[in-house]
Protein backbone atom coordinates (compact mmCIF):
# COMPACT_ATOMS: atom_id res chain seq x y z
CA UNK A 1 -105.22 -94.89 15.80
CA UNK A 2 -105.64 -91.34 17.14
CA UNK A 3 -103.80 -88.30 15.80
CA UNK A 4 -101.81 -85.86 17.87
CA UNK A 5 -102.58 -82.17 17.40
CA UNK A 6 -98.88 -81.27 17.40
CA UNK A 7 -96.62 -81.65 14.39
CA UNK A 8 -94.46 -79.97 11.77
CA UNK A 9 -93.97 -80.46 8.03
CA UNK A 10 -92.44 -78.61 5.09
CA UNK A 11 -92.50 -79.02 1.34
CA UNK A 12 -91.05 -77.13 -1.61
CA UNK A 13 -91.59 -76.97 -5.37
CA UNK A 14 -89.66 -75.12 -8.08
CA UNK A 15 -91.57 -73.22 -10.75
CA UNK A 16 -88.89 -71.49 -12.84
CA UNK A 17 -87.48 -69.14 -11.74
CA UNK A 18 -89.00 -69.22 -8.25
CA UNK A 19 -89.21 -71.74 -5.43
CA UNK A 20 -92.37 -72.10 -3.36
CA UNK A 21 -91.98 -73.30 0.23
CA UNK A 22 -94.76 -74.33 2.63
CA UNK A 23 -94.25 -74.78 6.37
CA UNK A 24 -97.05 -76.22 8.53
CA UNK A 25 -96.90 -76.14 12.33
CA UNK A 26 -99.77 -77.52 14.41
CA UNK A 27 -100.42 -77.19 18.14
CA UNK A 28 -103.31 -77.90 20.51
CA UNK A 29 -106.60 -76.08 20.17
CA UNK A 30 -110.20 -76.87 21.07
CA UNK A 31 -111.33 -76.31 17.49
CA UNK A 32 -109.77 -76.04 14.04
CA UNK A 33 -107.95 -72.72 13.85
CA UNK A 34 -106.06 -72.03 10.60
CA UNK A 35 -103.57 -69.16 10.50
CA UNK A 36 -102.12 -68.26 7.07
CA UNK A 37 -99.07 -66.17 6.18
CA UNK A 38 -99.05 -65.75 2.41
CA UNK A 39 -97.35 -63.42 -0.06
CA UNK A 40 -99.80 -60.73 -1.12
CA UNK A 41 -100.01 -62.27 -4.59
CA UNK A 42 -101.53 -65.46 -3.13
CA UNK A 43 -104.12 -63.91 -0.83
CA UNK A 44 -106.94 -64.58 -3.28
CA UNK A 45 -106.14 -68.33 -3.15
CA UNK A 46 -106.36 -68.60 0.66
CA UNK A 47 -109.96 -69.97 0.70
CA UNK A 48 -109.06 -72.93 -1.49
CA UNK A 49 -105.97 -73.65 0.62
CA UNK A 50 -108.17 -73.57 3.72
CA UNK A 51 -110.49 -76.14 2.18
CA UNK A 52 -107.55 -78.47 1.48
CA UNK A 53 -106.45 -78.44 5.14
CA UNK A 54 -109.96 -78.53 6.63
CA UNK A 55 -110.66 -81.73 4.67
CA UNK A 56 -107.79 -83.50 6.44
CA UNK A 57 -107.63 -81.91 9.91
CA UNK A 58 -110.48 -81.52 12.41
CA UNK A 59 -108.87 -79.93 15.47
CA UNK A 60 -105.77 -77.91 16.28
CA UNK A 61 -104.23 -74.55 15.54
CA UNK A 62 -102.20 -74.76 12.33
CA UNK A 63 -99.76 -72.07 11.24
CA UNK A 64 -99.52 -72.21 7.43
CA UNK A 65 -96.68 -70.18 5.91
CA UNK A 66 -95.96 -69.90 2.18
CA UNK A 67 -92.79 -68.21 0.95
CA UNK A 68 -91.66 -67.48 -2.60
CA UNK A 69 -87.95 -67.06 -3.41
CA UNK A 70 -85.70 -67.17 -6.43
CA UNK A 71 -84.75 -70.79 -7.09
CA UNK A 72 -81.09 -71.48 -6.27
CA UNK A 73 -81.26 -74.77 -8.13
CA UNK A 74 -82.43 -73.24 -11.42
CA UNK A 75 -79.54 -73.29 -13.90
CA UNK A 76 -81.10 -71.12 -16.60
CA UNK A 77 -80.69 -67.36 -16.41
CA UNK A 78 -83.96 -65.67 -15.49
CA UNK A 79 -85.18 -62.68 -17.46
CA UNK A 80 -84.65 -59.21 -16.05
CA UNK A 81 -87.44 -56.65 -16.05
CA UNK A 82 -85.93 -53.67 -17.89
CA UNK A 83 -88.69 -51.31 -16.75
CA UNK A 84 -88.03 -52.06 -13.08
CA UNK A 85 -84.30 -51.58 -13.58
CA UNK A 86 -84.88 -48.25 -15.31
CA UNK A 87 -87.07 -47.12 -12.47
CA UNK A 88 -84.41 -48.07 -9.94
CA UNK A 89 -81.77 -46.24 -11.96
CA UNK A 90 -83.87 -43.08 -11.93
CA UNK A 91 -84.47 -43.45 -8.22
CA UNK A 92 -80.75 -43.90 -7.60
CA UNK A 93 -79.90 -40.78 -9.64
CA UNK A 94 -82.40 -38.71 -7.65
CA UNK A 95 -80.97 -39.94 -4.34
CA UNK A 96 -77.36 -39.25 -5.38
CA UNK A 97 -78.25 -35.73 -6.49
CA UNK A 98 -79.50 -35.09 -2.98
CA UNK A 99 -76.75 -37.12 -1.30
CA UNK A 100 -73.65 -37.25 -3.54
CA UNK A 101 -71.81 -39.55 -1.14
CA UNK A 102 -74.59 -42.16 -1.17
CA UNK A 103 -73.37 -45.64 -2.12
CA UNK A 104 -74.73 -46.87 -5.48
CA UNK A 105 -76.73 -50.07 -5.81
CA UNK A 106 -74.75 -53.30 -6.02
CA UNK A 107 -75.62 -56.09 -8.43
CA UNK A 108 -76.70 -58.44 -5.62
CA UNK A 109 -78.98 -55.76 -4.20
CA UNK A 110 -80.55 -55.14 -7.58
CA UNK A 111 -81.24 -58.85 -8.14
CA UNK A 112 -82.93 -59.11 -4.75
CA UNK A 113 -85.15 -56.12 -5.41
CA UNK A 114 -88.81 -57.18 -5.89
CA UNK A 115 -89.76 -57.23 -9.55
CA UNK A 116 -86.25 -57.10 -11.02
CA UNK A 117 -86.30 -60.80 -11.95
CA UNK A 118 -89.31 -61.73 -14.01
CA UNK A 119 -91.43 -64.34 -12.27
CA UNK A 120 -94.15 -66.48 -13.82
CA UNK A 121 -97.64 -65.14 -13.74
CA UNK A 122 -99.10 -65.65 -10.26
CA UNK A 123 -102.09 -67.43 -11.75
CA UNK A 124 -99.67 -70.11 -12.98
CA UNK A 125 -98.27 -70.54 -9.47
CA UNK A 126 -101.51 -71.06 -7.56
CA UNK A 127 -102.01 -74.67 -8.64
CA UNK A 128 -98.38 -75.77 -8.03
CA UNK A 129 -98.55 -74.07 -4.64
CA UNK A 130 -101.73 -76.05 -3.87
CA UNK A 131 -100.04 -79.32 -4.85
CA UNK A 132 -97.07 -78.41 -2.68
CA UNK A 133 -99.45 -77.69 0.20
CA UNK A 134 -101.09 -81.10 -0.26
CA UNK A 135 -97.66 -82.75 -0.03
CA UNK A 136 -96.81 -80.83 3.14
CA UNK A 137 -100.19 -81.81 4.58
CA UNK A 138 -99.48 -85.51 3.93
CA UNK A 139 -96.19 -85.16 5.80
CA UNK A 140 -97.92 -83.35 8.65
CA UNK A 141 -100.55 -86.09 8.84
CA UNK A 142 -97.86 -88.77 9.08
CA UNK A 143 -96.09 -86.78 11.80
CA UNK A 144 -99.30 -86.33 13.77
CA UNK A 145 -100.16 -90.02 13.39
CA UNK A 146 -96.74 -91.10 14.71
CA UNK A 147 -97.08 -88.82 17.73
CA UNK A 148 -100.67 -89.96 18.23
CA UNK A 149 -99.46 -93.58 18.25
CA UNK A 150 -96.96 -92.79 21.01
CA UNK A 151 -99.66 -91.08 23.06
CA UNK A 152 -102.06 -93.99 22.52
CA UNK A 153 -99.40 -96.45 23.71
CA UNK A 154 -98.85 -94.36 26.84
CA UNK A 155 -102.58 -94.20 27.51
CA UNK A 156 -102.83 -97.96 27.06
CA UNK A 157 -100.10 -98.49 29.64
CA UNK A 158 -101.96 -96.26 32.13
CA UNK A 159 -105.19 -98.17 31.44
CA UNK A 160 -103.38 -101.42 32.26
CA UNK A 161 -102.02 -99.92 35.47
CA UNK A 162 -105.45 -98.69 36.59
CA UNK A 163 -107.03 -102.06 35.75
CA UNK A 164 -104.38 -103.79 37.88
CA UNK A 165 -105.12 -101.44 40.78
CA UNK A 166 -108.88 -101.99 40.59
CA UNK A 167 -108.26 -105.75 40.54
CA UNK A 168 -106.21 -105.37 43.73
CA UNK A 169 -108.91 -103.18 45.29
CA UNK A 170 -111.75 -105.70 44.99
CA UNK A 171 -110.59 -108.11 47.72
CA UNK A 172 -109.78 -105.12 49.93
CA UNK A 173 -113.46 -104.10 49.92
CA UNK A 174 -114.47 -107.28 51.76
CA UNK A 175 -111.48 -106.95 54.09
CA UNK A 176 -112.49 -103.37 54.96
CA UNK A 177 -116.02 -104.45 55.87
CA UNK A 178 -114.72 -107.28 58.06
CA UNK A 179 -112.21 -104.92 59.70
CA UNK A 180 -115.01 -102.53 60.63
CA UNK A 181 -117.07 -105.43 62.05
CA UNK A 182 -114.13 -106.59 64.18
CA UNK A 183 -113.45 -103.04 65.32
CA UNK A 184 -117.07 -102.51 66.43
CA UNK A 185 -117.14 -105.87 68.26
CA UNK A 186 -113.90 -105.01 70.04
CA UNK A 187 -115.25 -101.66 71.20
CA UNK A 188 -118.40 -103.24 72.58
CA UNK A 189 -116.38 -105.83 74.44
CA UNK A 190 -114.06 -103.19 75.85
CA UNK A 191 -117.00 -101.15 77.06
CA UNK A 192 -118.65 -104.31 78.41
CA UNK A 193 -121.88 -103.42 76.64
CA UNK A 194 -124.45 -106.04 75.77
CA UNK A 195 -125.86 -104.82 72.49
CA UNK A 196 -128.80 -106.26 70.62
CA UNK A 197 -127.34 -108.54 67.87
CA UNK A 198 -130.01 -107.40 65.42
CA UNK A 199 -129.19 -103.78 66.12
CA UNK A 200 -125.50 -104.51 65.54
CA UNK A 201 -126.27 -106.15 62.21
CA UNK A 202 -128.39 -103.17 61.16
CA UNK A 203 -125.59 -100.80 62.05
CA UNK A 204 -123.05 -102.92 60.16
CA UNK A 205 -125.35 -103.06 57.12
CA UNK A 206 -125.70 -99.28 57.05
CA UNK A 207 -121.95 -98.78 57.38
CA UNK A 208 -121.26 -101.38 54.69
CA UNK A 209 -123.58 -99.61 52.29
CA UNK A 210 -121.93 -96.29 53.06
CA UNK A 211 -118.40 -97.61 52.64
CA UNK A 212 -118.97 -100.03 49.77
CA UNK A 213 -116.96 -98.91 46.71
CA UNK A 214 -117.80 -101.86 44.47
CA UNK A 215 -119.93 -99.69 42.20
CA UNK A 216 -117.15 -97.13 41.78
CA UNK A 217 -114.64 -99.86 40.94
CA UNK A 218 -117.04 -101.37 38.42
CA UNK A 219 -117.47 -98.01 36.72
CA UNK A 220 -113.70 -97.45 36.67
CA UNK A 221 -113.29 -100.76 34.85
CA UNK A 222 -116.10 -99.87 32.43
CA UNK A 223 -114.52 -96.49 31.60
CA UNK A 224 -111.12 -98.12 31.07
CA UNK A 225 -112.68 -100.62 28.66
CA UNK A 226 -114.35 -97.78 26.75
CA UNK A 227 -111.07 -95.82 26.54
CA UNK A 228 -109.38 -98.86 25.00
CA UNK A 229 -112.18 -99.13 22.46
CA UNK A 230 -111.99 -95.45 21.56
CA UNK A 231 -108.21 -95.61 21.12
CA UNK A 232 -108.75 -98.20 18.41
CA UNK A 233 -110.90 -95.91 16.27
CA UNK A 234 -109.46 -94.23 13.20
CA UNK A 235 -111.18 -90.89 13.75
CA UNK A 236 -110.87 -87.80 15.97
CA UNK A 237 -111.27 -89.08 19.54
CA UNK A 238 -109.79 -86.32 21.73
CA UNK A 239 -113.07 -84.85 22.96
CA UNK A 240 -114.58 -88.24 23.77
CA UNK A 241 -111.45 -89.29 25.63
CA UNK A 242 -111.47 -86.00 27.53
CA UNK A 243 -115.02 -86.76 28.72
CA UNK A 244 -114.07 -90.30 29.74
CA UNK A 245 -111.09 -88.99 31.72
CA UNK A 246 -113.43 -86.66 33.60
CA UNK A 247 -115.66 -89.64 34.44
CA UNK A 248 -112.65 -91.66 35.58
CA UNK A 249 -111.57 -88.82 37.83
CA UNK A 250 -115.07 -88.52 39.31
CA UNK A 251 -115.14 -92.22 40.24
CA UNK A 252 -111.62 -92.05 41.67
CA UNK A 253 -112.59 -89.08 43.85
CA UNK A 254 -115.62 -90.96 45.18
CA UNK A 255 -113.49 -94.02 45.85
CA UNK A 256 -111.00 -91.93 47.81
CA UNK A 257 -113.70 -90.20 49.86
CA UNK A 258 -115.46 -93.46 50.81
CA UNK A 259 -112.36 -95.51 51.53
CA UNK A 260 -111.82 -96.15 55.25
CA UNK A 261 -108.98 -98.62 54.77
CA UNK A 262 -105.42 -97.30 54.38
CA UNK A 263 -104.72 -99.69 51.51
CA UNK A 264 -107.87 -98.57 49.68
CA UNK A 265 -106.86 -94.96 50.16
CA UNK A 266 -103.38 -95.57 48.74
CA UNK A 267 -104.86 -97.35 45.74
CA UNK A 268 -107.29 -94.48 45.14
CA UNK A 269 -104.42 -91.98 45.23
CA UNK A 270 -102.37 -94.09 42.80
CA UNK A 271 -105.35 -94.26 40.44
CA UNK A 272 -105.80 -90.47 40.59
CA UNK A 273 -102.11 -89.96 39.72
CA UNK A 274 -102.46 -92.19 36.66
CA UNK A 275 -105.65 -90.42 35.59
CA UNK A 276 -103.93 -87.04 35.81
CA UNK A 277 -101.11 -88.32 33.59
CA UNK A 278 -103.71 -89.50 31.08
CA UNK A 279 -105.59 -86.20 31.22
CA UNK A 280 -102.45 -84.25 30.29
CA UNK A 281 -101.78 -86.46 27.26
CA UNK A 282 -105.39 -86.57 26.06
CA UNK A 283 -105.25 -82.79 25.65
CA UNK A 284 -102.80 -83.41 22.79
CA UNK A 285 -105.12 -85.63 20.74
CA UNK A 286 -107.28 -84.48 17.86
């Protein structure tokens, strides 16, 4: 089953006294484009996080955001960094000497100040953050698979509709040839012209070859069969499907240009509408 390139997932892990949160958002892109937003302390670990995602995703632009906050669920009291507090106290005294009316720090402000609460060593957070990323990636994969399944079902319905139209077109091809023969005979009779029967047959043969769309219909059916096969593969199929849609559209254009029967023309237009709907959805597949 194909994967969609669009999806969202989030995962969190608590490493006392902080909470690490990953958010992954994926959208369409021709290639794999990874965009990371990491706290400065985690920048050195970005290459290994890239490898984790690249092993699971082949196409799409993925926004990967990691945030680190104080854990609200942690019941134990975290340690306070006395040196940071002393530095803030000195800074506050200097400011109030210059601006006596300045409001002093509040407790909540102090606790939110970077470095006031002692956090684990960053080296101890890299691995839990990687495990959290792997969990978010699993969720993203499930989300993309579900959306891919919906797209595949829609594409299958359009394939069925096109196959039904090509089946209806086949008997119309013979009818169109006979209609042209009758029309030519009627014109000759109206003009009271005695034409050479062999010459008439030659003319009809040339016209039939020029107007015959059997080959185009056969290729449409072949492309539809291939699309169904590709949709059953458990691998990235977006680019192959995009190529097949282009081939479908080429055959539909030729069918429309060669059709001289109003019913054939309507069928060709209906096929082109279905192909365009498929083309829009295929752009979403990995």
